[in-house]
């Protein structure tokens, strides 16, 4: 929505954004920072159904995984806005007992949740900023695979999902958000604002039932 859009599944990818313990698990960074993650368990289940259907249909699966090197050299120092605004970095500074434990490569917090682990053949892009296109090979990798249509899921709707999907639009991809496969950080109006933007300005919005139906239609041809 708001309008039908014709897509080619052979040129499509399911982009799973930051489905990590940090954002989807009790005791993860988002939970420790005081955000409500009660909807995350349901979002994990929806993502599992989507990923399974995409695999069966032969649709490329792309995982984005945000995090930092143990020395935080890629996080940006005090001159970087990321240093001052990114929630994991702020939480570690505010709570020294968590130093080195949030979104740091190799930690439980950084790992993708067990239910959604990448499989051989999936594309996994590590990033250190909100957008999956910032400082990564994502654009080159997608173009090499002749992918034009991107279905977005993950956490958080209004932060890393939106940032990546906006950048996709600017790079001439067709971004489509899967609304029930995402969870937001903050009050409900931020989710509503993101979905409105993508319905009206930056792309399209669908739900998992519609997308799984499209995947199954291709599988059954």
N, C-alpha and C. Protein backbone atom coordinates (compact mmCIF):
# COMPACT_ATOMS: atom_id res chain seq x y z
N UNK A 1 0.84 -1.18 0.00
CA UNK A 1 0.00 0.00 0.00
C UNK A 1 0.89 1.26 0.00
N UNK A 2 0.41 2.40 -0.44
CA UNK A 2 -1.00 2.63 -0.74
C UNK A 2 -1.45 2.09 -2.10
N UNK A 3 -0.52 1.87 -3.01
CA UNK A 3 -0.86 1.40 -4.35
C UNK A 3 -0.18 0.06 -4.60
N UNK A 4 -0.78 -0.77 -5.45
CA UNK A 4 -0.10 -2.02 -5.81
C UNK A 4 1.21 -1.71 -6.54
N UNK A 5 2.19 -2.55 -6.33
CA UNK A 5 3.46 -2.41 -7.04
C UNK A 5 3.87 -3.77 -7.56
N UNK A 6 4.24 -3.82 -8.82
CA UNK A 6 4.65 -5.08 -9.43
C UNK A 6 6.13 -5.30 -9.17
N UNK A 7 6.46 -6.46 -8.63
CA UNK A 7 7.85 -6.76 -8.29
C UNK A 7 8.29 -8.05 -8.97
N UNK A 8 9.59 -8.20 -9.08
CA UNK A 8 10.15 -9.46 -9.57
C UNK A 8 10.87 -10.16 -8.44
N UNK A 9 10.37 -11.30 -8.02
CA UNK A 9 10.98 -11.99 -6.88
C UNK A 9 12.40 -12.46 -7.18
N UNK A 10 12.71 -12.65 -8.47
CA UNK A 10 14.08 -13.03 -8.81
C UNK A 10 15.04 -11.86 -8.66
N UNK A 11 14.50 -10.66 -8.48
CA UNK A 11 15.32 -9.47 -8.24
C UNK A 11 15.04 -8.88 -6.86
N UNK A 12 14.57 -9.72 -5.94
CA UNK A 12 14.17 -9.26 -4.62
C UNK A 12 15.03 -9.86 -3.52
N UNK A 13 15.09 -9.17 -2.39
CA UNK A 13 15.77 -9.67 -1.20
C UNK A 13 14.95 -9.32 0.03
N UNK A 14 14.99 -10.22 1.00
CA UNK A 14 14.41 -9.97 2.31
C UNK A 14 15.54 -9.45 3.20
N UNK A 15 15.41 -8.21 3.66
CA UNK A 15 16.47 -7.57 4.45
C UNK A 15 16.05 -7.58 5.92
N UNK A 16 16.73 -8.39 6.70
CA UNK A 16 16.43 -8.58 8.12
C UNK A 16 17.37 -7.69 8.92
N UNK A 17 16.82 -6.64 9.51
CA UNK A 17 17.64 -5.60 10.11
C UNK A 17 17.80 -5.80 11.62
N UNK A 18 19.01 -6.07 12.04
CA UNK A 18 19.40 -6.02 13.46
C UNK A 18 18.52 -6.87 14.38
N UNK A 19 18.18 -8.07 13.93
CA UNK A 19 17.42 -8.97 14.81
C UNK A 19 18.39 -9.66 15.76
N UNK A 20 18.94 -8.86 16.64
CA UNK A 20 19.99 -9.26 17.57
C UNK A 20 19.46 -9.29 19.00
N UNK A 21 20.17 -9.98 19.88
CA UNK A 21 19.76 -10.00 21.28
C UNK A 21 19.67 -8.59 21.86
N UNK A 22 20.49 -7.69 21.38
CA UNK A 22 20.46 -6.31 21.86
C UNK A 22 19.08 -5.69 21.77
N UNK A 23 18.33 -6.06 20.73
CA UNK A 23 17.06 -5.40 20.46
C UNK A 23 15.84 -6.30 20.66
N UNK A 24 16.05 -7.61 20.71
CA UNK A 24 14.91 -8.52 20.72
C UNK A 24 14.85 -9.45 21.92
N UNK A 25 15.82 -9.37 22.83
CA UNK A 25 15.88 -10.31 23.95
C UNK A 25 15.88 -9.59 25.29
N UNK A 26 15.24 -10.24 26.27
CA UNK A 26 15.30 -9.75 27.65
C UNK A 26 16.74 -9.73 28.10
N UNK A 27 17.16 -8.62 28.70
CA UNK A 27 18.54 -8.48 29.12
C UNK A 27 19.45 -7.91 28.06
N UNK A 28 18.89 -7.64 26.87
CA UNK A 28 19.65 -7.01 25.80
C UNK A 28 19.71 -5.51 25.98
N UNK A 29 20.47 -4.86 25.12
CA UNK A 29 20.72 -3.43 25.26
C UNK A 29 19.44 -2.61 25.34
N UNK A 30 18.51 -2.84 24.43
CA UNK A 30 17.29 -2.02 24.40
C UNK A 30 16.49 -2.18 25.68
N UNK A 31 16.41 -3.40 26.18
CA UNK A 31 15.73 -3.69 27.44
C UNK A 31 16.45 -3.01 28.60
N UNK A 32 17.76 -3.14 28.65
CA UNK A 32 18.53 -2.53 29.74
C UNK A 32 18.44 -1.01 29.72
N UNK A 33 18.23 -0.45 28.54
CA UNK A 33 18.12 1.01 28.43
C UNK A 33 16.72 1.51 28.77
N UNK A 34 15.80 0.59 29.08
CA UNK A 34 14.48 1.00 29.54
C UNK A 34 13.38 1.00 28.51
N UNK A 35 13.65 0.47 27.31
CA UNK A 35 12.62 0.42 26.28
C UNK A 35 11.74 -0.82 26.43
N UNK A 36 10.50 -0.69 26.00
CA UNK A 36 9.55 -1.80 26.03
C UNK A 36 9.85 -2.73 24.86
N UNK A 37 10.23 -3.97 25.16
CA UNK A 37 10.50 -4.94 24.09
C UNK A 37 9.48 -6.07 24.11
N UNK A 38 8.32 -5.84 24.73
CA UNK A 38 7.34 -6.91 24.89
C UNK A 38 6.83 -7.44 23.56
N UNK A 39 6.87 -6.63 22.51
CA UNK A 39 6.40 -7.08 21.19
C UNK A 39 7.46 -7.84 20.41
N UNK A 40 8.68 -7.87 20.91
CA UNK A 40 9.79 -8.43 20.13
C UNK A 40 9.63 -9.93 19.88
N UNK A 41 9.11 -10.67 20.85
CA UNK A 41 8.97 -12.12 20.68
C UNK A 41 8.06 -12.45 19.50
N UNK A 42 6.96 -11.71 19.37
CA UNK A 42 6.05 -11.93 18.24
C UNK A 42 6.72 -11.56 16.93
N UNK A 43 7.52 -10.51 16.93
CA UNK A 43 8.23 -10.09 15.73
C UNK A 43 9.25 -11.15 15.30
N UNK A 44 9.91 -11.78 16.26
CA UNK A 44 10.84 -12.87 15.93
C UNK A 44 10.09 -14.00 15.22
N UNK A 45 8.92 -14.36 15.72
CA UNK A 45 8.14 -15.44 15.11
C UNK A 45 7.72 -15.09 13.69
N UNK A 46 7.30 -13.85 13.47
CA UNK A 46 6.90 -13.43 12.12
C UNK A 46 8.11 -13.48 11.19
N UNK A 47 9.24 -13.02 11.67
CA UNK A 47 10.46 -13.07 10.85
C UNK A 47 10.84 -14.50 10.50
N UNK A 48 10.68 -15.42 11.44
CA UNK A 48 11.00 -16.82 11.17
C UNK A 48 10.13 -17.36 10.03
N UNK A 49 8.84 -17.06 10.05
CA UNK A 49 7.94 -17.50 8.98
C UNK A 49 8.34 -16.89 7.64
N UNK A 50 8.66 -15.61 7.66
CA UNK A 50 9.06 -14.93 6.42
C UNK A 50 10.36 -15.50 5.86
N UNK A 51 11.33 -15.69 6.73
CA UNK A 51 12.62 -16.22 6.28
C UNK A 51 12.46 -17.61 5.71
N UNK A 52 11.69 -18.46 6.38
CA UNK A 52 11.47 -19.82 5.88
C UNK A 52 10.80 -19.80 4.51
N UNK A 53 9.79 -18.93 4.36
CA UNK A 53 9.08 -18.84 3.08
C UNK A 53 9.99 -18.28 1.99
N UNK A 54 10.82 -17.31 2.35
CA UNK A 54 11.74 -16.73 1.37
C UNK A 54 12.76 -17.77 0.91
N UNK A 55 13.29 -18.54 1.85
CA UNK A 55 14.25 -19.58 1.48
C UNK A 55 13.62 -20.57 0.49
N UNK A 56 12.40 -20.99 0.79
CA UNK A 56 11.73 -21.97 -0.06
C UNK A 56 11.48 -21.42 -1.45
N UNK A 57 11.24 -20.10 -1.52
CA UNK A 57 10.98 -19.47 -2.82
C UNK A 57 12.25 -19.06 -3.54
N UNK A 58 13.40 -19.23 -2.92
CA UNK A 58 14.66 -18.86 -3.55
C UNK A 58 14.95 -17.38 -3.52
N UNK A 59 14.30 -16.65 -2.60
CA UNK A 59 14.54 -15.21 -2.45
C UNK A 59 15.76 -14.99 -1.56
N UNK A 60 16.64 -14.12 -1.98
CA UNK A 60 17.87 -13.85 -1.23
C UNK A 60 17.54 -13.26 0.14
N UNK A 61 18.25 -13.72 1.16
CA UNK A 61 18.08 -13.20 2.51
C UNK A 61 19.33 -12.44 2.91
N UNK A 62 19.13 -11.21 3.35
CA UNK A 62 20.23 -10.33 3.75
C UNK A 62 20.04 -9.99 5.23
N UNK A 63 21.05 -10.27 6.02
CA UNK A 63 21.04 -9.90 7.43
C UNK A 63 21.93 -8.68 7.63
N UNK A 64 21.40 -7.68 8.35
CA UNK A 64 22.21 -6.57 8.82
C UNK A 64 22.47 -6.77 10.30
N UNK A 65 23.69 -6.50 10.73
CA UNK A 65 24.10 -6.74 12.11
C UNK A 65 24.95 -5.57 12.58
N UNK A 66 24.39 -4.77 13.47
CA UNK A 66 25.08 -3.57 13.94
C UNK A 66 25.96 -3.91 15.14
N UNK A 67 27.10 -3.25 15.21
CA UNK A 67 27.97 -3.46 16.36
C UNK A 67 29.33 -2.82 16.16
N UNK A 68 30.17 -3.01 17.16
CA UNK A 68 31.47 -2.33 17.19
C UNK A 68 32.60 -3.30 17.54
N UNK A 69 33.79 -2.94 17.09
CA UNK A 69 34.98 -3.68 17.50
C UNK A 69 35.18 -3.54 19.02
N UNK A 70 35.86 -4.50 19.64
CA UNK A 70 36.05 -4.41 21.10
C UNK A 70 36.70 -3.11 21.58
N UNK A 71 37.56 -2.52 20.76
CA UNK A 71 38.19 -1.26 21.17
C UNK A 71 37.35 -0.04 20.80
N UNK A 72 36.17 -0.28 20.21
CA UNK A 72 35.24 0.79 19.81
C UNK A 72 35.85 1.77 18.81
N UNK A 73 36.87 1.35 18.10
CA UNK A 73 37.54 2.24 17.16
C UNK A 73 36.65 2.62 15.98
N UNK A 74 35.62 1.83 15.71
CA UNK A 74 34.70 2.12 14.62
C UNK A 74 33.41 2.77 15.10
N UNK A 75 33.35 3.12 16.38
CA UNK A 75 32.14 3.73 16.93
C UNK A 75 32.12 5.24 16.76
N UNK A 76 33.28 5.82 16.52
CA UNK A 76 33.37 7.28 16.45
C UNK A 76 33.69 7.82 17.83
N UNK A 77 34.65 8.69 17.90
CA UNK A 77 35.02 9.30 19.18
C UNK A 77 34.13 10.48 19.50
N UNK A 78 34.54 11.30 20.46
CA UNK A 78 33.72 12.44 20.89
C UNK A 78 33.38 13.44 19.79
N UNK A 79 34.11 13.44 18.68
CA UNK A 79 33.78 14.35 17.58
C UNK A 79 32.70 13.78 16.67
N UNK A 80 32.30 12.54 16.90
CA UNK A 80 31.29 11.89 16.06
C UNK A 80 29.91 12.00 16.70
N UNK A 81 28.89 12.38 15.92
CA UNK A 81 27.53 12.39 16.49
C UNK A 81 27.08 11.01 16.94
N UNK A 82 27.58 9.96 16.28
CA UNK A 82 27.21 8.60 16.68
C UNK A 82 27.62 8.32 18.12
N UNK A 83 28.76 8.83 18.52
CA UNK A 83 29.26 8.65 19.89
C UNK A 83 28.27 9.22 20.90
N UNK A 84 27.64 10.32 20.55
CA UNK A 84 26.76 11.02 21.49
C UNK A 84 25.31 10.53 21.44
N UNK A 85 24.87 9.97 20.32
CA UNK A 85 23.46 9.63 20.16
C UNK A 85 23.14 8.14 20.18
N UNK A 86 24.09 7.28 19.79
CA UNK A 86 23.77 5.85 19.69
C UNK A 86 23.54 5.27 21.09
N UNK A 87 22.42 4.57 21.25
CA UNK A 87 21.96 4.19 22.59
C UNK A 87 22.88 3.20 23.29
N UNK A 88 23.46 2.27 22.56
CA UNK A 88 24.36 1.31 23.19
C UNK A 88 25.59 1.99 23.79
N UNK A 89 26.18 2.90 23.04
CA UNK A 89 27.35 3.63 23.53
C UNK A 89 26.99 4.48 24.73
N UNK A 90 25.84 5.14 24.65
CA UNK A 90 25.41 5.99 25.77
C UNK A 90 25.15 5.16 27.02
N UNK A 91 24.53 3.99 26.83
CA UNK A 91 24.21 3.14 27.98
C UNK A 91 25.48 2.61 28.64
N UNK A 92 26.47 2.24 27.83
CA UNK A 92 27.74 1.76 28.42
C UNK A 92 28.45 2.87 29.19
N UNK A 93 28.38 4.10 28.69
CA UNK A 93 29.02 5.20 29.43
C UNK A 93 28.28 5.49 30.73
N UNK A 94 26.95 5.38 30.69
CA UNK A 94 26.16 5.67 31.89
C UNK A 94 26.27 4.56 32.93
N UNK A 95 26.53 3.33 32.46
CA UNK A 95 26.60 2.18 33.38
C UNK A 95 27.92 1.44 33.14
N UNK A 96 28.97 1.86 33.82
CA UNK A 96 30.31 1.30 33.57
C UNK A 96 30.38 -0.22 33.69
N UNK A 97 29.49 -0.83 34.47
CA UNK A 97 29.52 -2.29 34.60
C UNK A 97 29.14 -2.99 33.30
N UNK A 98 28.56 -2.24 32.36
CA UNK A 98 28.19 -2.81 31.05
C UNK A 98 29.23 -2.52 29.98
N UNK A 99 30.30 -1.86 30.35
CA UNK A 99 31.32 -1.49 29.36
C UNK A 99 31.83 -2.73 28.62
N UNK A 100 31.82 -2.65 27.30
CA UNK A 100 32.30 -3.75 26.47
C UNK A 100 31.31 -4.89 26.28
N UNK A 101 30.09 -4.75 26.81
CA UNK A 101 29.12 -5.84 26.76
C UNK A 101 27.94 -5.58 25.82
N UNK A 102 27.78 -4.35 25.36
CA UNK A 102 26.62 -4.01 24.54
C UNK A 102 27.05 -3.75 23.10
N UNK A 103 26.50 -4.54 22.17
CA UNK A 103 26.73 -4.39 20.73
C UNK A 103 28.19 -4.52 20.32
N UNK A 104 28.99 -5.14 21.15
CA UNK A 104 30.40 -5.36 20.83
C UNK A 104 30.55 -6.72 20.17
N UNK A 105 31.29 -6.75 19.07
CA UNK A 105 31.50 -7.99 18.32
C UNK A 105 31.88 -9.14 19.26
N UNK A 106 31.21 -10.27 19.07
CA UNK A 106 31.53 -11.46 19.84
C UNK A 106 30.75 -11.63 21.13
N UNK A 107 30.02 -10.59 21.55
CA UNK A 107 29.23 -10.69 22.77
C UNK A 107 27.85 -11.28 22.47
N UNK A 108 27.20 -11.78 23.51
CA UNK A 108 25.82 -12.28 23.38
C UNK A 108 24.91 -11.19 22.85
N UNK A 109 25.07 -9.98 23.35
CA UNK A 109 24.22 -8.86 22.96
C UNK A 109 24.26 -8.63 21.45
N UNK A 110 25.42 -8.78 20.86
CA UNK A 110 25.62 -8.51 19.43
C UNK A 110 25.09 -9.62 18.54
N UNK A 111 25.00 -10.83 19.06
CA UNK A 111 24.61 -11.98 18.25
C UNK A 111 23.17 -11.87 17.74
N UNK A 112 22.95 -12.38 16.53
CA UNK A 112 21.59 -12.52 16.01
C UNK A 112 20.87 -13.57 16.85
N UNK A 113 19.58 -13.35 17.12
CA UNK A 113 18.83 -14.25 18.00
C UNK A 113 18.86 -15.68 17.46
N UNK A 114 18.84 -16.64 18.36
CA UNK A 114 19.01 -18.04 17.98
C UNK A 114 17.99 -18.50 16.94
N UNK A 115 16.75 -18.02 17.04
CA UNK A 115 15.69 -18.50 16.15
C UNK A 115 15.89 -18.06 14.70
N UNK A 116 16.76 -17.07 14.49
CA UNK A 116 16.89 -16.48 13.15
C UNK A 116 18.33 -16.53 12.63
N UNK A 117 19.11 -17.47 13.08
CA UNK A 117 20.52 -17.52 12.68
C UNK A 117 20.67 -17.60 11.16
N UNK A 118 21.61 -16.85 10.59
CA UNK A 118 21.87 -16.95 9.15
C UNK A 118 22.31 -18.36 8.76
N UNK A 119 22.01 -18.71 7.52
CA UNK A 119 22.37 -20.01 6.96
C UNK A 119 23.36 -19.80 5.82
N UNK A 120 24.08 -20.86 5.44
CA UNK A 120 24.98 -20.74 4.29
C UNK A 120 24.24 -20.20 3.07
N UNK A 121 24.85 -19.25 2.40
CA UNK A 121 24.23 -18.63 1.24
C UNK A 121 23.55 -17.31 1.54
N UNK A 122 23.26 -17.05 2.82
CA UNK A 122 22.70 -15.75 3.19
C UNK A 122 23.81 -14.70 3.16
N UNK A 123 23.42 -13.47 2.91
CA UNK A 123 24.36 -12.36 2.92
C UNK A 123 24.29 -11.67 4.28
N UNK A 124 25.40 -11.60 4.99
CA UNK A 124 25.46 -10.95 6.30
C UNK A 124 26.34 -9.72 6.20
N UNK A 125 25.76 -8.57 6.50
CA UNK A 125 26.47 -7.29 6.42
C UNK A 125 26.63 -6.73 7.83
N UNK A 126 27.86 -6.59 8.28
CA UNK A 126 28.12 -5.94 9.55
C UNK A 126 28.20 -4.43 9.33
N UNK A 127 27.65 -3.69 10.27
CA UNK A 127 27.64 -2.24 10.14
C UNK A 127 27.90 -1.62 11.51
N UNK A 128 28.27 -0.35 11.49
CA UNK A 128 28.52 0.35 12.75
C UNK A 128 27.72 1.66 12.83
N UNK A 129 26.78 1.83 11.91
CA UNK A 129 25.89 2.98 11.93
C UNK A 129 24.47 2.49 11.69
N UNK A 130 23.50 3.39 11.84
CA UNK A 130 22.10 2.98 11.71
C UNK A 130 21.80 2.39 10.33
N UNK A 131 22.26 3.02 9.29
CA UNK A 131 21.97 2.56 7.93
C UNK A 131 22.89 1.43 7.51
N UNK A 132 22.30 0.42 6.88
CA UNK A 132 23.08 -0.68 6.35
C UNK A 132 23.93 -0.30 5.16
N UNK A 133 23.68 0.88 4.59
CA UNK A 133 24.47 1.34 3.44
C UNK A 133 25.68 2.17 3.87
N UNK A 134 25.73 2.60 5.13
CA UNK A 134 26.79 3.51 5.59
C UNK A 134 28.07 2.74 5.88
N UNK A 135 29.08 2.94 5.04
CA UNK A 135 30.38 2.34 5.27
C UNK A 135 30.44 0.84 5.08
N UNK A 136 29.53 0.28 4.27
CA UNK A 136 29.50 -1.17 4.05
C UNK A 136 29.52 -1.48 2.55
N UNK A 137 29.52 -2.77 2.23
CA UNK A 137 29.49 -3.22 0.84
C UNK A 137 28.07 -3.55 0.38
N UNK A 138 27.06 -3.18 1.15
CA UNK A 138 25.69 -3.60 0.84
C UNK A 138 25.26 -3.23 -0.57
N UNK A 139 25.48 -1.99 -0.98
CA UNK A 139 25.05 -1.57 -2.31
C UNK A 139 25.75 -2.39 -3.39
N UNK A 140 27.06 -2.54 -3.29
CA UNK A 140 27.79 -3.34 -4.28
C UNK A 140 27.29 -4.78 -4.32
N UNK A 141 27.06 -5.36 -3.16
CA UNK A 141 26.61 -6.75 -3.10
C UNK A 141 25.24 -6.93 -3.74
N UNK A 142 24.33 -6.01 -3.46
CA UNK A 142 22.99 -6.11 -4.04
C UNK A 142 23.03 -5.93 -5.55
N UNK A 143 23.81 -4.98 -6.02
CA UNK A 143 23.89 -4.75 -7.47
C UNK A 143 24.53 -5.95 -8.18
N UNK A 144 25.51 -6.57 -7.54
CA UNK A 144 26.14 -7.75 -8.13
C UNK A 144 25.16 -8.90 -8.28
N UNK A 145 24.14 -8.93 -7.40
CA UNK A 145 23.11 -9.96 -7.45
C UNK A 145 21.90 -9.53 -8.28
N UNK A 146 21.98 -8.34 -8.88
CA UNK A 146 20.89 -7.79 -9.70
C UNK A 146 19.59 -7.67 -8.90
N UNK A 147 19.71 -7.25 -7.66
CA UNK A 147 18.55 -7.08 -6.79
C UNK A 147 18.08 -5.63 -6.84
N UNK A 148 16.77 -5.46 -6.99
CA UNK A 148 16.18 -4.12 -7.09
C UNK A 148 15.10 -3.87 -6.04
N UNK A 149 14.46 -4.94 -5.55
CA UNK A 149 13.32 -4.81 -4.63
C UNK A 149 13.73 -5.34 -3.26
N UNK A 150 13.51 -4.52 -2.23
CA UNK A 150 13.97 -4.87 -0.89
C UNK A 150 12.80 -4.86 0.09
N UNK A 151 12.55 -6.01 0.72
CA UNK A 151 11.53 -6.14 1.75
C UNK A 151 12.21 -6.02 3.11
N UNK A 152 11.79 -5.05 3.90
CA UNK A 152 12.47 -4.75 5.16
C UNK A 152 11.71 -5.26 6.37
N UNK A 153 12.44 -5.94 7.26
CA UNK A 153 11.93 -6.35 8.56
C UNK A 153 12.96 -5.96 9.61
N UNK A 154 12.60 -6.10 10.90
CA UNK A 154 13.61 -5.93 11.93
C UNK A 154 13.30 -4.88 12.98
N UNK A 155 14.35 -4.51 13.69
CA UNK A 155 14.26 -3.60 14.83
C UNK A 155 15.43 -2.61 14.75
N UNK A 156 15.19 -1.35 14.93
CA UNK A 156 13.94 -0.71 15.26
C UNK A 156 13.36 -0.04 14.02
N UNK A 157 12.03 -0.14 13.91
CA UNK A 157 11.31 0.41 12.77
C UNK A 157 11.76 1.82 12.43
N UNK A 158 11.84 2.66 13.47
CA UNK A 158 12.06 4.09 13.29
C UNK A 158 13.53 4.50 13.33
N UNK A 159 14.43 3.53 13.49
CA UNK A 159 15.85 3.87 13.57
C UNK A 159 16.60 3.17 12.44
N UNK A 160 17.08 1.95 12.68
CA UNK A 160 17.92 1.29 11.67
C UNK A 160 17.14 0.80 10.46
N UNK A 161 15.90 0.34 10.67
CA UNK A 161 15.10 -0.07 9.51
C UNK A 161 14.81 1.13 8.63
N UNK A 162 14.30 2.19 9.24
CA UNK A 162 13.96 3.38 8.46
C UNK A 162 15.20 4.00 7.81
N UNK A 163 16.30 4.08 8.53
CA UNK A 163 17.52 4.67 7.97
C UNK A 163 17.98 3.90 6.74
N UNK A 164 17.98 2.57 6.82
CA UNK A 164 18.43 1.75 5.70
C UNK A 164 17.45 1.82 4.54
N UNK A 165 16.17 1.79 4.84
CA UNK A 165 15.16 1.83 3.78
C UNK A 165 15.15 3.17 3.06
N UNK A 166 15.36 4.25 3.79
CA UNK A 166 15.46 5.56 3.13
C UNK A 166 16.68 5.60 2.20
N UNK A 167 17.80 5.12 2.70
CA UNK A 167 19.00 5.10 1.85
C UNK A 167 18.78 4.22 0.63
N UNK A 168 18.04 3.13 0.78
CA UNK A 168 17.73 2.27 -0.37
C UNK A 168 16.97 3.05 -1.43
N UNK A 169 16.00 3.84 -1.00
CA UNK A 169 15.23 4.67 -1.93
C UNK A 169 16.15 5.64 -2.67
N UNK A 170 17.07 6.25 -1.94
CA UNK A 170 17.99 7.21 -2.56
C UNK A 170 18.95 6.54 -3.54
N UNK A 171 19.17 5.23 -3.36
CA UNK A 171 20.06 4.48 -4.25
C UNK A 171 19.29 3.79 -5.38
N UNK A 172 18.02 4.16 -5.55
CA UNK A 172 17.17 3.65 -6.64
C UNK A 172 16.71 2.20 -6.46
N UNK A 173 16.70 1.73 -5.21
CA UNK A 173 16.03 0.46 -4.91
C UNK A 173 14.55 0.75 -4.60
N UNK A 174 13.76 -0.31 -4.61
CA UNK A 174 12.33 -0.21 -4.28
C UNK A 174 12.16 -0.75 -2.86
N UNK A 175 12.01 0.13 -1.85
CA UNK A 175 11.90 -0.33 -0.47
C UNK A 175 10.45 -0.60 -0.06
N UNK A 176 10.24 -1.77 0.53
CA UNK A 176 8.90 -2.18 0.97
C UNK A 176 9.02 -2.66 2.41
N UNK A 177 8.33 -1.99 3.33
CA UNK A 177 8.36 -2.36 4.74
C UNK A 177 7.30 -3.42 5.04
N UNK A 178 7.66 -4.41 5.83
CA UNK A 178 6.72 -5.45 6.27
C UNK A 178 6.31 -5.10 7.70
N UNK A 179 5.14 -4.48 7.85
CA UNK A 179 4.83 -3.77 9.09
C UNK A 179 4.74 -4.66 10.32
N UNK A 180 4.27 -5.90 10.20
CA UNK A 180 4.15 -6.75 11.38
C UNK A 180 5.41 -7.56 11.65
N UNK A 181 6.45 -7.32 10.86
CA UNK A 181 7.74 -7.99 11.08
C UNK A 181 8.77 -7.02 11.64
N UNK A 182 8.29 -5.90 12.20
CA UNK A 182 9.18 -4.89 12.75
C UNK A 182 8.70 -4.51 14.16
N UNK A 183 9.62 -3.97 14.95
CA UNK A 183 9.27 -3.39 16.24
C UNK A 183 10.00 -2.06 16.37
N UNK A 184 9.34 -1.10 17.01
CA UNK A 184 9.91 0.24 17.11
C UNK A 184 10.51 0.48 18.49
N UNK A 185 11.29 1.53 18.59
CA UNK A 185 11.85 1.98 19.86
C UNK A 185 11.26 3.34 20.17
N UNK A 186 10.54 3.44 21.30
CA UNK A 186 9.92 4.70 21.65
C UNK A 186 8.41 4.61 21.62
N UNK A 187 7.74 5.76 21.71
CA UNK A 187 6.27 5.78 21.72
C UNK A 187 5.69 5.33 20.38
N UNK A 188 4.43 4.93 20.41
CA UNK A 188 3.80 4.36 19.21
C UNK A 188 3.76 5.32 18.03
N UNK A 189 3.74 6.63 18.31
CA UNK A 189 3.63 7.56 17.19
C UNK A 189 4.85 7.51 16.27
N UNK A 190 6.00 7.07 16.78
CA UNK A 190 7.18 7.01 15.91
C UNK A 190 7.01 5.91 14.86
N UNK A 191 6.38 4.82 15.25
CA UNK A 191 6.08 3.75 14.29
C UNK A 191 5.10 4.25 13.24
N UNK A 192 4.06 4.93 13.70
CA UNK A 192 3.04 5.45 12.78
C UNK A 192 3.65 6.44 11.80
N UNK A 193 4.56 7.27 12.29
CA UNK A 193 5.20 8.26 11.41
C UNK A 193 6.06 7.58 10.35
N UNK A 194 6.81 6.56 10.75
CA UNK A 194 7.65 5.83 9.79
C UNK A 194 6.79 5.18 8.72
N UNK A 195 5.73 4.49 9.12
CA UNK A 195 4.87 3.82 8.14
C UNK A 195 4.20 4.84 7.23
N UNK A 196 3.80 5.97 7.76
CA UNK A 196 3.19 7.02 6.92
C UNK A 196 4.20 7.50 5.88
N UNK A 197 5.43 7.74 6.32
CA UNK A 197 6.46 8.18 5.39
C UNK A 197 6.66 7.19 4.25
N UNK A 198 6.64 5.91 4.58
CA UNK A 198 6.90 4.92 3.53
C UNK A 198 5.68 4.62 2.68
N UNK A 199 4.51 4.85 3.18
CA UNK A 199 3.33 4.74 2.33
C UNK A 199 3.24 5.90 1.35
N UNK A 200 3.67 7.07 1.79
CA UNK A 200 3.39 8.28 1.03
C UNK A 200 4.60 8.93 0.35
N UNK A 201 5.81 8.63 0.81
CA UNK A 201 6.97 9.37 0.33
C UNK A 201 8.10 8.47 -0.17
N UNK A 202 8.49 7.48 0.63
CA UNK A 202 9.73 6.76 0.36
C UNK A 202 9.57 5.35 -0.18
N UNK A 203 8.36 4.82 -0.22
CA UNK A 203 8.23 3.44 -0.68
C UNK A 203 6.84 2.89 -0.47
N UNK A 204 6.79 1.66 0.04
CA UNK A 204 5.52 0.95 0.19
C UNK A 204 5.53 0.18 1.50
N UNK A 205 4.32 -0.24 1.92
CA UNK A 205 4.15 -1.01 3.14
C UNK A 205 3.28 -2.22 2.83
N UNK A 206 3.66 -3.37 3.37
CA UNK A 206 2.85 -4.57 3.24
C UNK A 206 2.86 -5.30 4.58
N UNK A 207 2.25 -6.50 4.63
CA UNK A 207 2.31 -7.31 5.84
C UNK A 207 2.82 -8.70 5.50
N UNK A 208 3.10 -9.48 6.52
CA UNK A 208 3.74 -10.78 6.30
C UNK A 208 2.83 -11.75 5.55
N UNK A 209 1.53 -11.70 5.78
CA UNK A 209 0.62 -12.61 5.07
C UNK A 209 0.68 -12.39 3.57
N UNK A 210 0.64 -11.13 3.16
CA UNK A 210 0.70 -10.82 1.73
C UNK A 210 2.03 -11.27 1.13
N UNK A 211 3.11 -11.02 1.85
CA UNK A 211 4.43 -11.35 1.31
C UNK A 211 4.64 -12.86 1.26
N UNK A 212 4.24 -13.56 2.31
CA UNK A 212 4.36 -15.02 2.30
C UNK A 212 3.51 -15.61 1.19
N UNK A 213 2.34 -15.01 0.95
CA UNK A 213 1.50 -15.47 -0.16
C UNK A 213 2.21 -15.33 -1.49
N UNK A 214 2.92 -14.22 -1.67
CA UNK A 214 3.67 -14.03 -2.92
C UNK A 214 4.80 -15.04 -3.04
N UNK A 215 5.49 -15.29 -1.92
CA UNK A 215 6.56 -16.29 -1.94
C UNK A 215 6.02 -17.67 -2.28
N UNK A 216 4.89 -18.04 -1.68
CA UNK A 216 4.32 -19.37 -1.92
C UNK A 216 3.83 -19.51 -3.35
N UNK A 217 3.30 -18.42 -3.91
CA UNK A 217 2.84 -18.45 -5.30
C UNK A 217 4.00 -18.78 -6.22
N UNK A 218 5.16 -18.20 -5.92
CA UNK A 218 6.34 -18.50 -6.74
C UNK A 218 6.79 -19.94 -6.53
N UNK A 219 6.76 -20.39 -5.27
CA UNK A 219 7.20 -21.76 -4.97
C UNK A 219 6.34 -22.80 -5.67
N UNK A 220 5.04 -22.51 -5.78
CA UNK A 220 4.09 -23.48 -6.32
C UNK A 220 3.92 -23.41 -7.83
N UNK A 221 4.65 -22.51 -8.48
CA UNK A 221 4.50 -22.39 -9.93
C UNK A 221 4.99 -23.65 -10.63
